[in-house]
Amino acid sequence: MNLFYILFPLIILFIQESKQELLPKEYFPLAVGNQWYYIGDNEKVQKRNTYYRQMYDYSESRQVVSEVDIRGEKFFLIVYKRLDPFDGKIFKIDSAYFAYRGTKIIKIPASKMLDSSAVITYMDFSIELNKPIRFSRNDIIYEQVLRTEGDSIITSYSSLRGGLDSGAQFSLKKGIGLFSHSTFIGGTYQLIRFVLK
């Protein structure tokens, strides 16, 4: 009987940790061929893109284009593209590798894939909700807080500690992935459609 009282809490803890480790996959599905399309609500984007809306219904896209092993971990390369508001051409703006690591989604900029110090935490589901945390990246102090909307959307707010005009946020929706993202300078981009493989 005493063994039961010792093992039962450990089993419950193990189940809770296992559930937490499933969250990254539930909120950020990674598979080659997954695609997300966004529309910007920035006033400048809307005005400039009026003509090109007839050709494209989006102003930014992200696509998982490949899977690669980096130092024994499985990463997925996501390419970011944007609609040029002046000539209507689609151009690549960025790319990065993403992977799951326990309760975290980690990210490496594509240009630094061989640099082990370039790994950053994109989202950590073990962070206590509504409680700001501070972290350092490249000797700069940032502050981040996670909030939820129901049980399907989780949003990360981050800002440069004490900095002005430095806020950024992104929301992940369960079963979909990146639902919206914004920066103070770049405006907000909202998901309009997606394809999951």
Foldseek 3Di string as FASTA:
>chain_A
DVVCVVVVVVVVVVVVLVVLLCVVCQQAPDDAFKKFFWAFPPPVSCVLCVVLCVVPVGFKMKGFHDWDAQPNFIWTKIWIWGQDSHPRDIDTDFIWIWGRDRNFIWIAGPVCSNPPLRIDTPDGSVDDAPDWDWDDDPNFIKIWHWDDDPPFKIKIWMAGVVDPQGIKMWMTGGNRYTAKIDGSPRGIIGTDDIDDD
